[in-house]
Amino acid sequence: MNAVARPEIDPHLGLDLRPEATLHRLDLSVSVVIPAHNEEPTIAAVVTEAFASLDRLGVEGEVIVAASGCTDKTAENARLAGARVVDAPIGKGAALKAGVDLAENDVVCAVDGDVRYYGDPPLVALLVEPILEGIADATITDLYWRPLYPQLWMCGFFAPLAGRLYPEMLPKVGNTPWSGQRAALRHLWQTDLPDDFTVDLALLLHWNRQAQRLRPVLAGDWVNPQRPKPDLMRAEFELLVTTAIRDGRLDPRTRFMLEDWFEEMHRLMAQYAPDVDDPQRFEARILTDALTRLPDRLGTGA
């Protein structure tokens, strides 16, 4: 059988290769926004590390703490550490919006008020540096240490479904796209954010559409309290599917098949037994199950 004649593809297509540096450090100011709900034990350290990052980056900036329905000394401790404090309604999204609304600088970096990061450079500097260097306009942390629950979210829900609906997004978001530690140029922070914890996924979907260079940034050891959010995964499923229908990535008539798939995967994820299952093997099995069970034909709304 004769080989099929294929047209040649120019390997230089679209490239403007020049024997010189084309990237230059940008002179940008930075606002650090810290949403916090009753984070009295940790907020002062997070604020102090944010200021240390601004000094390390050598940029003008500010640190804003959005005290979300706090009933402890979060706001007082934040002010004593030098932050500008704004009162916000309860809800991570509501707090983030309140802080971003006050931010006036070129770059906005968000970090949670309960995160203790042990790497060097500190977290804000790690996230903002690629933007200042011109190699990213939005970043998200790719965290080294991960509790199992978020990894189940990644393996059993997000990666299989987002990989089908938004395949271009997965290479841009790293292993922990659920992370609230992220930074972007100011114009990429939209104002119509949800009030609850789905705000991180909403930002991810928005940046996938609007950011030219969304990139994960490798991060080191960290820890934060693990607070159960039993309804969050379902809410994020609804957000992802609804957005995909709106974007023409999913035929609304096939939504019921994904509903059944999600409920089955949630049931399988809930079977994890800490004293019996090896976490990595369980994650791998969940990912295989999710990909195998995902409906083949979802179609688009076109």
Protein backbone atom coordinates (compact mmCIF):
# COMPACT_ATOMS: atom_id res chain seq x y z
CA MET A 1 0.00 0.00 0.00
CA ASN A 2 1.36 3.42 -0.96
CA ALA A 3 2.01 5.88 1.85
CA VAL A 4 -0.54 8.68 2.06
CA ALA A 5 0.91 11.97 0.87
CA ARG A 6 0.54 14.50 3.64
CA PRO A 7 1.03 18.25 3.32
CA GLU A 8 4.11 19.56 5.10
CA ILE A 9 3.76 21.60 8.27
CA ASP A 10 6.25 24.44 8.62
CA PRO A 11 8.12 23.82 11.93
CA HIS A 12 8.62 27.59 12.30
CA LEU A 13 4.92 28.31 11.98
CA GLY A 14 3.95 31.16 14.27
CA LEU A 15 7.37 31.48 15.87
CA ASP A 16 9.28 34.72 16.04
CA LEU A 17 12.68 33.45 17.14
CA ARG A 18 15.24 36.13 17.90
CA PRO A 19 18.75 35.68 19.34
CA GLU A 20 18.03 38.05 22.23
CA ALA A 21 16.02 38.28 25.43
CA THR A 22 12.43 39.28 24.74
CA LEU A 23 11.12 39.07 28.30
CA HIS A 24 11.81 41.89 30.73
CA ARG A 25 10.89 42.32 34.38
CA LEU A 26 7.75 44.40 34.77
CA ASP A 27 7.43 47.29 37.19
CA LEU A 28 4.15 46.33 38.84
CA SER A 29 2.59 46.95 42.23
CA VAL A 30 0.97 44.14 44.22
CA SER A 31 -2.09 43.78 46.44
CA VAL A 32 -2.24 40.73 48.70
CA VAL A 33 -5.80 39.76 49.61
CA ILE A 34 -6.33 37.37 52.53
CA PRO A 35 -9.88 36.09 53.07
CA ALA A 36 -10.20 34.98 56.69
CA HIS A 37 -12.96 33.59 58.87
CA ASN A 38 -11.99 33.26 62.55
CA GLU A 39 -8.29 32.76 61.81
CA GLU A 40 -7.03 34.37 65.05
CA PRO A 41 -4.17 31.85 65.59
CA THR A 42 -2.61 32.22 62.14
CA ILE A 43 -3.59 35.54 60.57
CA ALA A 44 -0.71 37.62 61.99
CA ALA A 45 1.87 35.17 60.62
CA VAL A 46 0.20 35.09 57.18
CA VAL A 47 0.14 38.91 57.05
CA THR A 48 3.77 39.14 58.18
CA GLU A 49 4.86 36.67 55.49
CA ALA A 50 2.91 38.63 52.87
CA PHE A 51 4.79 41.82 53.77
CA ALA A 52 8.05 39.87 53.71
CA SER A 53 7.19 38.73 50.18
CA LEU A 54 6.59 42.29 49.00
CA ASP A 55 9.98 43.29 50.41
CA ARG A 56 11.65 40.31 48.78
CA LEU A 57 10.07 41.14 45.42
CA GLY A 58 11.09 44.78 45.78
CA VAL A 59 7.64 46.07 44.84
CA GLU A 60 5.19 48.61 46.15
CA GLY A 61 2.17 46.93 47.65
CA GLU A 62 -0.42 46.42 50.34
CA VAL A 63 -1.90 43.61 52.39
CA ILE A 64 -5.69 43.47 52.76
CA VAL A 65 -7.46 41.11 55.15
CA ALA A 66 -11.14 40.50 54.43
CA ALA A 67 -12.55 39.49 57.81
CA SER A 68 -15.46 37.26 56.88
CA GLY A 69 -18.05 37.25 59.64
CA CYS A 70 -15.35 36.95 62.28
CA THR A 71 -16.27 36.59 65.96
CA ASP A 72 -12.71 36.35 67.30
CA LYS A 73 -9.61 38.58 67.14
CA THR A 74 -8.81 37.97 63.46
CA ALA A 75 -9.38 41.61 62.49
CA GLU A 76 -7.52 42.98 65.51
CA ASN A 77 -4.50 40.73 64.99
CA ALA A 78 -4.42 41.55 61.27
CA ARG A 79 -4.36 45.29 61.98
CA LEU A 80 -1.61 44.89 64.55
CA ALA A 81 0.43 43.03 61.92
CA GLY A 82 0.02 46.01 59.57
CA ALA A 83 -2.79 44.86 57.26
CA ARG A 84 -5.67 46.93 56.00
CA VAL A 85 -8.84 45.22 57.23
CA VAL A 86 -12.27 45.20 55.64
CA ASP A 87 -15.34 43.54 57.11
CA ALA A 88 -17.00 41.05 54.77
CA PRO A 89 -20.04 38.77 54.87
CA ILE A 90 -19.58 35.09 55.66
CA GLY A 91 -18.42 33.08 52.68
CA LYS A 92 -15.02 32.74 51.05
CA GLY A 93 -16.22 34.19 47.78
CA ALA A 94 -17.85 37.14 49.54
CA ALA A 95 -14.64 37.80 51.48
CA LEU A 96 -12.48 37.53 48.37
CA LYS A 97 -14.72 39.96 46.50
CA ALA A 98 -14.58 42.46 49.36
CA GLY A 99 -10.79 42.34 49.38
CA VAL A 100 -10.36 42.48 45.61
CA ASP A 101 -12.76 45.43 45.41
CA LEU A 102 -10.35 47.40 47.62
CA ALA A 103 -7.23 46.31 45.75
CA GLU A 104 -5.85 49.09 43.60
CA ASN A 105 -2.54 47.62 42.44
CA ASP A 106 -1.49 45.95 39.19
CA VAL A 107 -1.37 42.39 40.52
CA VAL A 108 -3.68 40.75 43.05
CA CYS A 109 -2.45 37.71 44.99
CA ALA A 110 -4.83 35.73 47.20
CA VAL A 111 -3.72 33.51 50.06
CA ASP A 112 -5.89 31.89 52.71
CA GLY A 113 -5.74 33.18 56.26
CA ASP A 114 -5.15 29.73 57.75
CA VAL A 115 -2.34 28.48 55.47
CA ARG A 116 1.09 27.93 57.00
CA TYR A 117 3.66 27.66 54.23
CA TYR A 118 7.14 26.32 55.02
CA GLY A 119 8.89 26.81 51.69
CA ASP A 120 11.31 29.47 50.58
CA PRO A 121 10.64 31.93 49.02
CA PRO A 122 7.39 32.65 50.87
CA LEU A 123 4.12 31.92 49.13
CA VAL A 124 3.20 35.38 47.81
CA ALA A 125 6.66 35.87 46.33
CA LEU A 126 6.48 32.42 44.74
CA LEU A 127 3.16 33.19 43.06
CA VAL A 128 3.86 36.76 41.96
CA GLU A 129 7.42 36.36 40.64
CA PRO A 130 6.41 34.69 37.33
CA ILE A 131 3.98 37.54 36.65
CA LEU A 132 6.64 40.17 37.32
CA GLU A 133 9.01 38.29 35.00
CA GLY A 134 6.42 38.39 32.22
CA ILE A 135 6.14 34.62 31.82
CA ALA A 136 2.62 34.37 33.28
CA ASP A 137 -0.39 36.59 33.73
CA ALA A 138 -2.05 34.24 36.23
CA THR A 139 -0.62 31.58 38.56
CA ILE A 140 -1.92 28.91 40.89
CA THR A 141 -0.01 26.82 43.41
CA ASP A 142 0.84 23.23 42.57
CA LEU A 143 1.14 22.06 46.17
CA TYR A 144 3.62 19.41 47.27
CA TRP A 145 1.69 17.87 50.17
CA ARG A 146 -1.96 17.08 49.65
CA PRO A 147 -4.60 15.61 51.95
CA LEU A 148 -6.48 12.73 50.36
CA TYR A 149 -9.86 14.44 50.08
CA PRO A 150 -8.72 17.07 47.54
CA GLN A 151 -6.89 14.37 45.61
CA LEU A 152 -10.10 12.38 45.41
CA TRP A 153 -11.71 15.57 44.08
CA MET A 154 -8.98 15.72 41.44
CA CYS A 155 -8.93 12.03 40.47
CA GLY A 156 -12.57 11.12 40.87
CA PHE A 157 -14.27 14.26 39.61
CA PHE A 158 -12.32 17.20 38.26
CA ALA A 159 -9.61 15.72 36.02
CA PRO A 160 -11.89 13.24 34.20
CA LEU A 161 -14.75 15.70 33.67
CA ALA A 162 -12.73 18.86 33.02
CA GLY A 163 -10.45 16.83 30.79
CA ARG A 164 -13.47 15.99 28.63
CA LEU A 165 -15.15 19.40 28.72
CA TYR A 166 -12.09 21.69 28.91
CA PRO A 167 -9.08 19.61 27.75
CA GLU A 168 -6.97 22.72 27.19
CA MET A 169 -7.30 23.64 30.87
CA LEU A 170 -5.69 20.64 32.59
CA PRO A 171 -2.07 21.35 31.51
CA LYS A 172 -2.41 24.90 32.84
CA VAL A 173 -3.61 24.23 36.38
CA GLY A 174 -1.27 21.63 37.91
CA ASN A 175 -2.15 18.94 40.43
CA THR A 176 -4.04 21.14 42.89
CA PRO A 177 -6.32 23.45 40.89
CA TRP A 178 -8.63 23.65 43.91
CA SER A 179 -6.01 25.70 45.76
CA GLY A 180 -7.02 29.14 46.98
CA GLN A 181 -3.43 30.35 46.70
CA ARG A 182 -3.25 32.19 43.39
CA ALA A 183 -2.28 35.45 41.70
CA ALA A 184 -3.20 37.32 38.52
CA LEU A 185 -3.11 40.68 36.83
CA ARG A 186 -5.81 42.90 38.29
CA HIS A 187 -8.10 42.86 35.23
CA LEU A 188 -8.43 39.07 35.43
CA TRP A 189 -10.21 39.20 38.78
CA GLN A 190 -13.85 39.42 37.73
CA THR A 191 -16.43 40.92 40.08
CA ASP A 192 -19.29 38.45 39.55
CA LEU A 193 -17.85 35.78 41.79
CA PRO A 194 -19.95 33.31 43.81
CA ASP A 195 -20.11 34.00 47.54
CA ASP A 196 -19.20 30.49 48.67
CA PHE A 197 -16.25 28.10 48.33
CA THR A 198 -16.96 27.50 44.63
CA VAL A 199 -15.15 30.80 44.05
CA ASP A 200 -11.85 29.00 43.42
CA LEU A 201 -13.33 26.91 40.60
CA ALA A 202 -15.16 29.93 39.19
CA LEU A 203 -11.86 31.82 39.00
CA LEU A 204 -10.18 28.82 37.39
CA LEU A 205 -12.80 28.65 34.63
CA HIS A 206 -12.66 32.41 34.10
CA TRP A 207 -8.86 32.46 33.88
CA ASN A 208 -8.94 29.54 31.48
CA ARG A 209 -10.96 31.76 29.13
CA GLN A 210 -9.28 35.09 29.74
CA ALA A 211 -5.65 34.52 30.80
CA GLN A 212 -3.19 34.04 27.96
CA ARG A 213 -0.63 32.38 30.23
CA LEU A 214 -2.20 30.60 33.19
CA ARG A 215 0.52 28.52 34.82
CA PRO A 216 0.96 26.32 37.90
CA VAL A 217 3.80 27.17 40.27
CA LEU A 218 5.50 24.37 42.19
CA ALA A 219 5.25 24.90 45.93
CA GLY A 220 6.72 23.22 49.00
CA ASP A 221 5.40 22.00 52.34
CA TRP A 222 2.31 23.60 53.81
CA VAL A 223 -0.48 22.83 56.23
CA ASN A 224 -3.93 24.16 57.04
CA PRO A 225 -6.92 22.92 59.04
CA GLN A 226 -8.99 20.30 57.24
CA ARG A 227 -12.58 21.48 57.57
CA PRO A 228 -15.28 19.18 56.15
CA LYS A 229 -17.27 20.70 53.27
CA PRO A 230 -19.71 17.88 52.48
CA ASP A 231 -21.70 19.77 49.84
CA LEU A 232 -18.81 21.49 48.06
CA MET A 233 -18.01 18.82 45.48
CA ARG A 234 -21.65 18.70 44.36
CA ALA A 235 -21.76 22.49 44.07
CA GLU A 236 -18.57 22.46 42.00
CA PHE A 237 -19.99 19.74 39.76
CA GLU A 238 -23.02 21.95 39.15
CA LEU A 239 -20.81 24.95 38.39
CA LEU A 240 -18.59 23.03 35.96
CA VAL A 241 -21.49 21.47 34.08
CA THR A 242 -23.52 24.69 33.95
CA THR A 243 -20.51 26.63 32.67
CA ALA A 244 -19.78 23.98 30.03
CA ILE A 245 -23.37 24.17 28.77
CA ARG A 246 -23.15 27.96 28.60
CA ASP A 247 -19.83 27.73 26.73
CA GLY A 248 -21.21 25.26 24.21
CA ARG A 249 -18.97 22.45 25.47
CA LEU A 250 -21.82 20.21 26.65
CA ASP A 251 -25.23 19.31 25.26
CA PRO A 252 -27.74 20.08 28.02
CA ARG A 253 -29.74 17.01 26.96
CA THR A 254 -26.90 14.76 28.14
CA ARG A 255 -26.62 16.35 31.57
CA PHE A 256 -28.60 13.56 33.22
CA MET A 257 -25.89 11.07 32.27
CA LEU A 258 -23.28 13.15 34.10
CA GLU A 259 -25.58 13.43 37.11
CA ASP A 260 -25.65 9.64 37.39
CA TRP A 261 -21.88 9.44 36.83
CA PHE A 262 -21.16 11.98 39.57
CA GLU A 263 -23.36 10.24 42.14
CA GLU A 264 -21.71 6.90 41.40
CA MET A 265 -18.20 8.37 41.67
CA HIS A 266 -19.10 10.11 44.93
CA ARG A 267 -20.28 6.77 46.31
CA LEU A 268 -16.99 5.11 45.30
CA MET A 269 -14.88 7.91 46.79
CA ALA A 270 -16.73 7.58 50.09
CA GLN A 271 -15.56 3.97 50.37
CA TYR A 272 -12.00 5.00 51.26
CA ALA A 273 -10.97 3.38 54.55
CA PRO A 274 -7.91 5.08 56.14
CA ASP A 275 -6.76 1.98 58.01
CA VAL A 276 -7.19 -0.34 55.03
CA ASP A 277 -6.55 1.48 51.75
CA ASP A 278 -3.22 2.78 50.51
CA PRO A 279 -3.95 6.41 49.53
CA GLN A 280 -2.00 6.43 46.26
CA ARG A 281 -3.43 3.13 45.08
CA PHE A 282 -6.93 4.24 46.01
CA GLU A 283 -6.48 7.50 44.06
CA ALA A 284 -5.25 5.58 41.01
CA ARG A 285 -8.20 3.21 41.20
CA ILE A 286 -10.67 6.08 41.53
CA LEU A 287 -9.17 7.82 38.49
CA THR A 288 -9.42 4.63 36.42
CA ASP A 289 -13.03 4.10 37.54
CA ALA A 290 -13.95 7.72 36.77
CA LEU A 291 -12.51 7.56 33.26
CA THR A 292 -14.06 4.16 32.55
CA ARG A 293 -17.52 5.15 33.77
CA LEU A 294 -17.63 8.59 32.17
CA PRO A 295 -20.23 8.56 29.35
CA ASP A 296 -18.68 8.34 25.89
CA ARG A 297 -21.03 10.68 24.06
CA LEU A 298 -21.82 13.95 25.77
CA GLY A 299 -22.02 16.15 22.68
CA THR A 300 -22.15 19.93 22.59
CA GLY A 301 -24.94 22.41 22.67
CA ALA A 302 -24.17 23.53 19.12
